[in-house]
Amino acid sequence: MLPGFDAKQAELMAEYIQLEINSLKYTDLGLDERVTVSVSQGIAAEVDGQFRTGTALLCAADTALYRAKADGRNRINLSC
């Protein structure tokens, strides 16, 4: 949830989060250096009140997330 963010701002934040997660290393936990973590994210941004409820907005973000996962690992999908 990013109150006050438009779709582009949310996408930029998602890209930043993705980069930060991709750069994490787990060798200090005793894991092999080849161990990586990725993140898929779904974004829904309200424009001109098209979502009648918060639940509808959340469902749009959830749908975008599942589309991102279906596209492969480490994806960002916008439902805007």
PDB file of N, CA and C in Angstrom:
ATOM      1  N   MET A   1       0.849  -1.173   0.000  1.00  0.00           N
ATOM      2  CA  MET A   1       0.000   0.000   0.000  1.00  0.00           C
ATOM      3  C   MET A   1       0.891   1.232   0.000  1.00  0.00           C
ATOM      4  N   LEU A   2       0.671   2.072  -0.967  1.00  0.00           N
ATOM      5  CA  LEU A   2       1.440   3.308  -1.097  1.00  0.00           C
ATOM      6  C   LEU A   2       0.468   4.474  -1.310  1.00  0.00           C
ATOM      7  N   PRO A   3      -0.160   4.938  -0.246  1.00  0.00           N
ATOM      8  CA  PRO A   3      -1.131   6.032  -0.392  1.00  0.00           C
ATOM      9  C   PRO A   3      -0.500   7.263  -1.043  1.00  0.00           C
ATOM     10  N   GLY A   4      -1.210   7.830  -1.988  1.00  0.00           N
ATOM     11  CA  GLY A   4      -0.757   9.036  -2.654  1.00  0.00           C
ATOM     12  C   GLY A   4       0.176   8.783  -3.832  1.00  0.00           C
ATOM     13  N   PHE A   5       0.522   7.529  -4.103  1.00  0.00           N
ATOM     14  CA  PHE A   5       1.394   7.206  -5.229  1.00  0.00           C
ATOM     15  C   PHE A   5       0.547   6.960  -6.477  1.00  0.00           C
ATOM     16  N   ASP A   6       1.014   7.465  -7.607  1.00  0.00           N
ATOM     17  CA  ASP A   6       0.350   7.097  -8.858  1.00  0.00           C
ATOM     18  C   ASP A   6       1.013   5.831  -9.399  1.00  0.00           C
ATOM     19  N   ALA A   7       0.543   5.338 -10.523  1.00  0.00           N
ATOM     20  CA  ALA A   7       1.043   4.070 -11.062  1.00  0.00           C
ATOM     21  C   ALA A   7       2.539   4.128 -11.350  1.00  0.00           C
ATOM     22  N   LYS A   8       3.014   5.237 -11.908  1.00  0.00           N
ATOM     23  CA  LYS A   8       4.437   5.353 -12.243  1.00  0.00           C
ATOM     24  C   LYS A   8       5.291   5.365 -10.982  1.00  0.00           C
ATOM     25  N   GLN A   9       4.863   6.106  -9.968  1.00  0.00           N
ATOM     26  CA  GLN A   9       5.607   6.141  -8.707  1.00  0.00           C
ATOM     27  C   GLN A   9       5.636   4.755  -8.060  1.00  0.00           C
ATOM     28  N   ALA A  10       4.514   4.064  -8.121  1.00  0.00           N
ATOM     29  CA  ALA A  10       4.441   2.714  -7.544  1.00  0.00           C
ATOM     30  C   ALA A  10       5.359   1.767  -8.311  1.00  0.00           C
ATOM     31  N   GLU A  11       5.403   1.910  -9.634  1.00  0.00           N
ATOM     32  CA  GLU A  11       6.274   1.061 -10.438  1.00  0.00           C
ATOM     33  C   GLU A  11       7.750   1.330 -10.111  1.00  0.00           C
ATOM     34  N   LEU A  12       8.107   2.596  -9.947  1.00  0.00           N
ATOM     35  CA  LEU A  12       9.486   2.938  -9.584  1.00  0.00           C
ATOM     36  C   LEU A  12       9.855   2.347  -8.221  1.00  0.00           C
ATOM     37  N   MET A  13       8.926   2.398  -7.277  1.00  0.00           N
ATOM     38  CA  MET A  13       9.169   1.814  -5.956  1.00  0.00           C
ATOM     39  C   MET A  13       9.318   0.302  -6.068  1.00  0.00           C
ATOM     40  N   ALA A  14       8.478  -0.329  -6.879  1.00  0.00           N
ATOM     41  CA  ALA A  14       8.564  -1.772  -7.075  1.00  0.00           C
ATOM     42  C   ALA A  14       9.909  -2.151  -7.687  1.00  0.00           C
ATOM     43  N   GLU A  15      10.389  -1.360  -8.640  1.00  0.00           N
ATOM     44  CA  GLU A  15      11.691  -1.624  -9.250  1.00  0.00           C
ATOM     45  C   GLU A  15      12.808  -1.486  -8.223  1.00  0.00           C
ATOM     46  N   TYR A  16      12.712  -0.477  -7.361  1.00  0.00           N
ATOM     47  CA  TYR A  16      13.704  -0.291  -6.295  1.00  0.00           C
ATOM     48  C   TYR A  16      13.697  -1.497  -5.348  1.00  0.00           C
ATOM     49  N   ILE A  17      12.515  -1.921  -4.929  1.00  0.00           N
ATOM     50  CA  ILE A  17      12.391  -3.082  -4.040  1.00  0.00           C
ATOM     51  C   ILE A  17      12.985  -4.316  -4.708  1.00  0.00           C
ATOM     52  N   GLN A  18      12.690  -4.493  -5.973  1.00  0.00           N
ATOM     53  CA  GLN A  18      13.200  -5.636  -6.726  1.00  0.00           C
ATOM     54  C   GLN A  18      14.735  -5.629  -6.745  1.00  0.00           C
ATOM     55  N   LEU A  19      15.328  -4.478  -7.026  1.00  0.00           N
ATOM     56  CA  LEU A  19      16.789  -4.369  -7.042  1.00  0.00           C
ATOM     57  C   LEU A  19      17.396  -4.681  -5.676  1.00  0.00           C
ATOM     58  N   GLU A  20      16.787  -4.159  -4.631  1.00  0.00           N
ATOM     59  CA  GLU A  20      17.300  -4.391  -3.279  1.00  0.00           C
ATOM     60  C   GLU A  20      17.216  -5.866  -2.889  1.00  0.00           C
ATOM     61  N   ILE A  21      16.113  -6.496  -3.203  1.00  0.00           N
ATOM     62  CA  ILE A  21      15.957  -7.922  -2.882  1.00  0.00           C
ATOM     63  C   ILE A  21      16.935  -8.763  -3.702  1.00  0.00           C
ATOM     64  N   ASN A  22      17.087  -8.417  -4.977  1.00  0.00           N
ATOM     65  CA  ASN A  22      18.008  -9.164  -5.831  1.00  0.00           C
ATOM     66  C   ASN A  22      19.455  -9.044  -5.370  1.00  0.00           C
ATOM     67  N   SER A  23      19.789  -7.970  -4.676  1.00  0.00           N
ATOM     68  CA  SER A  23      21.173  -7.761  -4.253  1.00  0.00           C
ATOM     69  C   SER A  23      21.496  -8.422  -2.904  1.00  0.00           C
ATOM     70  N   LEU A  24      20.493  -8.966  -2.229  1.00  0.00           N
ATOM     71  CA  LEU A  24      20.744  -9.607  -0.937  1.00  0.00           C
ATOM     72  C   LEU A  24      21.636 -10.834  -1.090  1.00  0.00           C
ATOM     73  N   LYS A  25      22.528 -11.012  -0.135  1.00  0.00           N
ATOM     74  CA  LYS A  25      23.413 -12.181  -0.101  1.00  0.00           C
ATOM     75  C   LYS A  25      23.119 -12.958   1.177  1.00  0.00           C
ATOM     76  N   TYR A  26      23.239 -14.267   1.091  1.00  0.00           N
ATOM     77  CA  TYR A  26      22.871 -15.122   2.217  1.00  0.00           C
ATOM     78  C   TYR A  26      24.030 -15.965   2.722  1.00  0.00           C
ATOM     79  N   THR A  27      25.234 -15.626   2.302  1.00  0.00           N
ATOM     80  CA  THR A  27      26.399 -16.402   2.725  1.00  0.00           C
ATOM     81  C   THR A  27      26.639 -16.284   4.228  1.00  0.00           C
ATOM     82  N   ASP A  28      26.260 -15.149   4.817  1.00  0.00           N
ATOM     83  CA  ASP A  28      26.434 -14.993   6.267  1.00  0.00           C
ATOM     84  C   ASP A  28      25.495 -15.911   7.054  1.00  0.00           C
ATOM     85  N   LEU A  29      24.522 -16.486   6.384  1.00  0.00           N
ATOM     86  CA  LEU A  29      23.623 -17.463   7.006  1.00  0.00           C
ATOM     87  C   LEU A  29      24.099 -18.894   6.759  1.00  0.00           C
ATOM     88  N   GLY A  30      25.263 -19.006   6.110  1.00  0.00           N
ATOM     89  CA  GLY A  30      25.807 -20.324   5.825  1.00  0.00           C
ATOM     90  C   GLY A  30      25.316 -20.922   4.526  1.00  0.00           C
ATOM     91  N   LEU A  31      24.617 -20.136   3.724  1.00  0.00           N
ATOM     92  CA  LEU A  31      24.112 -20.639   2.450  1.00  0.00           C
ATOM     93  C   LEU A  31      25.132 -20.404   1.340  1.00  0.00           C
ATOM     94  N   ASP A  32      25.048 -21.193   0.323  1.00  0.00           N
ATOM     95  CA  ASP A  32      25.931 -21.074  -0.826  1.00  0.00           C
ATOM     96  C   ASP A  32      25.719 -19.729  -1.506  1.00  0.00           C
ATOM     97  N   GLU A  33      26.772 -19.174  -2.086  1.00  0.00           N
ATOM     98  CA  GLU A  33      26.673 -17.864  -2.745  1.00  0.00           C
ATOM     99  C   GLU A  33      25.740 -17.866  -3.954  1.00  0.00           C
ATOM    100  N   ARG A  34      25.397 -19.053  -4.452  1.00  0.00           N
ATOM    101  CA  ARG A  34      24.473 -19.148  -5.599  1.00  0.00           C
ATOM    102  C   ARG A  34      23.005 -19.005  -5.186  1.00  0.00           C
ATOM    103  N   VAL A  35      22.736 -19.021  -3.871  1.00  0.00           N
ATOM    104  CA  VAL A  35      21.367 -18.872  -3.391  1.00  0.00           C
ATOM    105  C   VAL A  35      20.906 -17.437  -3.643  1.00  0.00           C
ATOM    106  N   THR A  36      19.781 -17.297  -4.315  1.00  0.00           N
ATOM    107  CA  THR A  36      19.218 -15.977  -4.594  1.00  0.00           C
ATOM    108  C   THR A  36      17.731 -15.962  -4.267  1.00  0.00           C
ATOM    109  N   VAL A  37      17.223 -14.783  -4.091  1.00  0.00           N
ATOM    110  CA  VAL A  37      15.798 -14.582  -3.851  1.00  0.00           C
ATOM    111  C   VAL A  37      15.320 -13.559  -4.870  1.00  0.00           C
ATOM    112  N   SER A  38      14.146 -13.793  -5.418  1.00  0.00           N
ATOM    113  CA  SER A  38      13.552 -12.836  -6.345  1.00  0.00           C
ATOM    114  C   SER A  38      12.163 -12.473  -5.834  1.00  0.00           C
ATOM    115  N   VAL A  39      11.580 -11.487  -6.464  1.00  0.00           N
ATOM    116  CA  VAL A  39      10.256 -11.029  -6.032  1.00  0.00           C
ATOM    117  C   VAL A  39       9.408 -10.704  -7.265  1.00  0.00           C
ATOM    118  N   SER A  40       8.175 -11.161  -7.230  1.00  0.00           N
ATOM    119  CA  SER A  40       7.204 -10.740  -8.233  1.00  0.00           C
ATOM    120  C   SER A  40       6.201  -9.836  -7.520  1.00  0.00           C
ATOM    121  N   GLN A  41       5.773  -8.782  -8.213  1.00  0.00           N
ATOM    122  CA  GLN A  41       4.900  -7.791  -7.584  1.00  0.00           C
ATOM    123  C   GLN A  41       3.750  -7.419  -8.504  1.00  0.00           C
ATOM    124  N   GLY A  42       2.614  -7.151  -7.903  1.00  0.00           N
ATOM    125  CA  GLY A  42       1.449  -6.687  -8.637  1.00  0.00           C
ATOM    126  C   GLY A  42       1.081  -5.298  -8.171  1.00  0.00           C
ATOM    127  N   ILE A  43       0.803  -4.419  -9.106  1.00  0.00           N
ATOM    128  CA  ILE A  43       0.483  -3.023  -8.791  1.00  0.00           C
ATOM    129  C   ILE A  43      -0.899  -2.686  -9.325  1.00  0.00           C
ATOM    130  N   ALA A  44      -1.689  -2.050  -8.491  1.00  0.00           N
ATOM    131  CA  ALA A  44      -2.957  -1.468  -8.909  1.00  0.00           C
ATOM    132  C   ALA A  44      -2.996  -0.049  -8.359  1.00  0.00           C
ATOM    133  N   ALA A  45      -3.282   0.903  -9.201  1.00  0.00           N
ATOM    134  CA  ALA A  45      -3.362   2.303  -8.784  1.00  0.00           C
ATOM    135  C   ALA A  45      -4.729   2.853  -9.173  1.00  0.00           C
ATOM    136  N   GLU A  46      -5.316   3.561  -8.262  1.00  0.00           N
ATOM    137  CA  GLU A  46      -6.640   4.120  -8.534  1.00  0.00           C
ATOM    138  C   GLU A  46      -6.508   5.439  -9.291  1.00  0.00           C
ATOM    139  N   VAL A  47      -7.230   5.510 -10.395  1.00  0.00           N
ATOM    140  CA  VAL A  47      -7.257   6.710 -11.210  1.00  0.00           C
ATOM    141  C   VAL A  47      -8.715   7.096 -11.396  1.00  0.00           C
ATOM    142  N   ASP A  48      -9.066   8.277 -10.972  1.00  0.00           N
ATOM    143  CA  ASP A  48     -10.433   8.787 -11.132  1.00  0.00           C
ATOM    144  C   ASP A  48     -11.486   7.903 -10.483  1.00  0.00           C
ATOM    145  N   GLY A  49     -11.133   7.240  -9.379  1.00  0.00           N
ATOM    146  CA  GLY A  49     -12.105   6.485  -8.599  1.00  0.00           C
ATOM    147  C   GLY A  49     -12.696   5.266  -9.278  1.00  0.00           C
ATOM    148  N   GLN A  50     -11.937   4.596 -10.152  1.00  0.00           N
ATOM    149  CA  GLN A  50     -12.508   3.448 -10.866  1.00  0.00           C
ATOM    150  C   GLN A  50     -12.766   2.256  -9.960  1.00  0.00           C
ATOM    151  N   PHE A  51     -12.121   2.182  -8.809  1.00  0.00           N
ATOM    152  CA  PHE A  51     -12.387   1.095  -7.868  1.00  0.00           C
ATOM    153  C   PHE A  51     -13.396   1.595  -6.834  1.00  0.00           C
ATOM    154  N   ARG A  52     -14.503   0.892  -6.723  1.00  0.00           N
ATOM    155  CA  ARG A  52     -15.574   1.343  -5.841  1.00  0.00           C
ATOM    156  C   ARG A  52     -15.278   1.092  -4.377  1.00  0.00           C
ATOM    157  N   THR A  53     -14.411   0.097  -4.110  1.00  0.00           N
ATOM    158  CA  THR A  53     -14.080  -0.231  -2.718  1.00  0.00           C
ATOM    159  C   THR A  53     -12.589  -0.533  -2.616  1.00  0.00           C
ATOM    160  N   GLY A  54     -12.097  -0.513  -1.392  1.00  0.00           N
ATOM    161  CA  GLY A  54     -10.722  -0.914  -1.145  1.00  0.00           C
ATOM    162  C   GLY A  54     -10.492  -2.363  -1.530  1.00  0.00           C
ATOM    163  N   THR A  55     -11.517  -3.171  -1.345  1.00  0.00           N
ATOM    164  CA  THR A  55     -11.417  -4.591  -1.703  1.00  0.00           C
ATOM    165  C   THR A  55     -11.230  -4.756  -3.206  1.00  0.00           C
ATOM    166  N   ALA A  56     -11.912  -3.943  -3.991  1.00  0.00           N
ATOM    167  CA  ALA A  56     -11.769  -4.015  -5.449  1.00  0.00           C
ATOM    168  C   ALA A  56     -10.348  -3.632  -5.864  1.00  0.00           C
ATOM    169  N   LEU A  57      -9.783  -2.632  -5.219  1.00  0.00           N
ATOM    170  CA  LEU A  57      -8.407  -2.222  -5.504  1.00  0.00           C
ATOM    171  C   LEU A  57      -7.435  -3.339  -5.134  1.00  0.00           C
ATOM    172  N   LEU A  58      -7.647  -3.949  -3.988  1.00  0.00           N
ATOM    173  CA  LEU A  58      -6.802  -5.057  -3.548  1.00  0.00           C
ATOM    174  C   LEU A  58      -6.913  -6.246  -4.502  1.00  0.00           C
ATOM    175  N   CYS A  59      -8.104  -6.531  -4.969  1.00  0.00           N
ATOM    176  CA  CYS A  59      -8.298  -7.636  -5.926  1.00  0.00           C
ATOM    177  C   CYS A  59      -7.565  -7.348  -7.238  1.00  0.00           C
ATOM    178  N   ALA A  60      -7.563  -6.097  -7.681  1.00  0.00           N
ATOM    179  CA  ALA A  60      -6.846  -5.737  -8.905  1.00  0.00           C
ATOM    180  C   ALA A  60      -5.343  -5.939  -8.718  1.00  0.00           C
ATOM    181  N   ALA A  61      -4.819  -5.551  -7.555  1.00  0.00           N
ATOM    182  CA  ALA A  61      -3.393  -5.757  -7.266  1.00  0.00           C
ATOM    183  C   ALA A  61      -3.076  -7.243  -7.198  1.00  0.00           C
ATOM    184  N   ASP A  62      -3.962  -8.016  -6.600  1.00  0.00           N
ATOM    185  CA  ASP A  62      -3.767  -9.466  -6.491  1.00  0.00           C
ATOM    186  C   ASP A  62      -3.757 -10.117  -7.870  1.00  0.00           C
ATOM    187  N   THR A  63      -4.656  -9.686  -8.740  1.00  0.00           N
ATOM    188  CA  THR A  63      -4.697 -10.199 -10.105  1.00  0.00           C
ATOM    189  C   THR A  63      -3.395  -9.858 -10.835  1.00  0.00           C
ATOM    190  N   ALA A  64      -2.907  -8.628 -10.645  1.00  0.00           N
ATOM    191  CA  ALA A  64      -1.644  -8.225 -11.272  1.00  0.00           C
ATOM    192  C   ALA A  64      -0.487  -9.064 -10.738  1.00  0.00           C
ATOM    193  N   LEU A  65      -0.514  -9.379  -9.460  1.00  0.00           N
ATOM    194  CA  LEU A  65       0.531 -10.221  -8.869  1.00  0.00           C
ATOM    195  C   LEU A  65       0.532 -11.606  -9.500  1.00  0.00           C
ATOM    196  N   TYR A  66      -0.632 -12.206  -9.638  1.00  0.00           N
ATOM    197  CA  TYR A  66      -0.697 -13.543 -10.226  1.00  0.00           C
ATOM    198  C   TYR A  66      -0.291 -13.542 -11.693  1.00  0.00           C
ATOM    199  N   ARG A  67      -0.573 -12.441 -12.406  1.00  0.00           N
ATOM    200  CA  ARG A  67      -0.108 -12.326 -13.789  1.00  0.00           C
ATOM    201  C   ARG A  67       1.419 -12.214 -13.826  1.00  0.00           C
ATOM    202  N   ALA A  68       1.983 -11.457 -12.872  1.00  0.00           N
ATOM    203  CA  ALA A  68       3.445 -11.335 -12.795  1.00  0.00           C
ATOM    204  C   ALA A  68       4.079 -12.692 -12.529  1.00  0.00           C
ATOM    205  N   LYS A  69       3.493 -13.460 -11.619  1.00  0.00           N
ATOM    206  CA  LYS A  69       4.020 -14.797 -11.319  1.00  0.00           C
ATOM    207  C   LYS A  69       3.916 -15.708 -12.537  1.00  0.00           C
ATOM    208  N   ALA A  70       2.821 -15.602 -13.282  1.00  0.00           N
ATOM    209  CA  ALA A  70       2.630 -16.441 -14.467  1.00  0.00           C
ATOM    210  C   ALA A  70       3.641 -16.095 -15.562  1.00  0.00           C
ATOM    211  N   ASP A  71       4.100 -14.839 -15.579  1.00  0.00           N
ATOM    212  CA  ASP A  71       5.074 -14.402 -16.576  1.00  0.00           C
ATOM    213  C   ASP A  71       6.481 -14.906 -16.270  1.00  0.00           C
ATOM    214  N   GLY A  72       6.700 -15.407 -15.076  1.00  0.00           N
ATOM    215  CA  GLY A  72       8.015 -15.894 -14.690  1.00  0.00           C
ATOM    216  C   GLY A  72       8.466 -15.278 -13.383  1.00  0.00           C
ATOM    217  N   ARG A  73       9.692 -15.566 -13.018  1.00  0.00           N
ATOM    218  CA  ARG A  73      10.224 -15.055 -11.761  1.00  0.00           C
ATOM    219  C   ARG A  73      10.663 -13.600 -11.911  1.00  0.00           C
ATOM    220  N   ASN A  74      10.586 -12.891 -10.778  1.00  0.00           N
ATOM    221  CA  ASN A  74      11.167 -11.557 -10.686  1.00  0.00           C
ATOM    222  C   ASN A  74      10.490 -10.564 -11.644  1.00  0.00           C
ATOM    223  N   ARG A  75       9.169 -10.540 -11.632  1.00  0.00           N
ATOM    224  CA  ARG A  75       8.393  -9.690 -12.550  1.00  0.00           C
ATOM    225  C   ARG A  75       7.568  -8.666 -11.790  1.00  0.00           C
ATOM    226  N   ILE A  76       7.240  -7.606 -12.502  1.00  0.00           N
ATOM    227  CA  ILE A  76       6.338  -6.574 -12.002  1.00  0.00           C
ATOM    228  C   ILE A  76       5.218  -6.441 -13.020  1.00  0.00           C
ATOM    229  N   ASN A  77       3.970  -6.479 -12.561  1.00  0.00           N
ATOM    230  CA  ASN A  77       2.831  -6.357 -13.465  1.00  0.00           C
ATOM    231  C   ASN A  77       1.917  -5.270 -12.944  1.00  0.00           C
ATOM    232  N   LEU A  78       1.487  -4.388 -13.837  1.00  0.00           N
ATOM    233  CA  LEU A  78       0.574  -3.310 -13.472  1.00  0.00           C
ATOM    234  C   LEU A  78      -0.834  -3.634 -13.927  1.00  0.00           C
ATOM    235  N   SER A  79      -1.786  -3.396 -13.038  1.00  0.00           N
ATOM    236  CA  SER A  79      -3.185  -3.576 -13.365  1.00  0.00           C
ATOM    237  C   SER A  79      -3.816  -2.193 -13.491  1.00  0.00           C
ATOM    238  N   CYS A  80      -3.255  -1.385 -14.372  1.00  0.00           N
ATOM    239  CA  CYS A  80      -3.701   0.002 -14.508  1.00  0.00           C
ATOM    240  C   CYS A  80      -4.089   0.279 -15.948  1.00  0.00           C
TER     241      CYS A  80
END
